[in-house]
Amino acid sequence: MNVFEMEGFLRGKCLPGDMKVNETTAEYLVRKLGQAGELTAALSTLEKAREVTNCPVGVELQDYLKQLVAESLAIKAMNDCLAEELRGYESDGAFDGPNMHLLWWKCETPATDSILREVGRGGLRA
């Protein structure tokens, strides 16, 4: 609804197309303002999610979150592999252990790294 439509509605000259049957002007305005409040809350939630995940400007939040999930799964898989490798070894100093740590260099996690850098700077609060 634009300014002219709102003025006409408030003066009783016209009715909005989305007004319900038998809905009063007050009920309509309360409903519309409630929807605006819900929209504001949703936008606030999205902005907070962007801030917490350190989502770069110009990147879709959903795509960034998918990237974070993929990175988290890769990290979990690496941890599972390393735990499985280390399960049978004792640390007596005679054996260096498995070389699973070399796989970590192949596991790139740019989104996770940016969050960890932000945490390291103390920029994120729990």
Foldseek 3Di string as FASTA:
>chain_A
DDPVVVVCVVVVNDDDPPDDPPQDPVNVVVVVVVVVVVVVVVVVVVVVLCQLLVPDPPDDSVVLVVLQVVLVVVVVVLVVVQCVQCVPDDPPPPDPGDPSVVCVVVRDRVSVVVNVVCVVVVNDDD
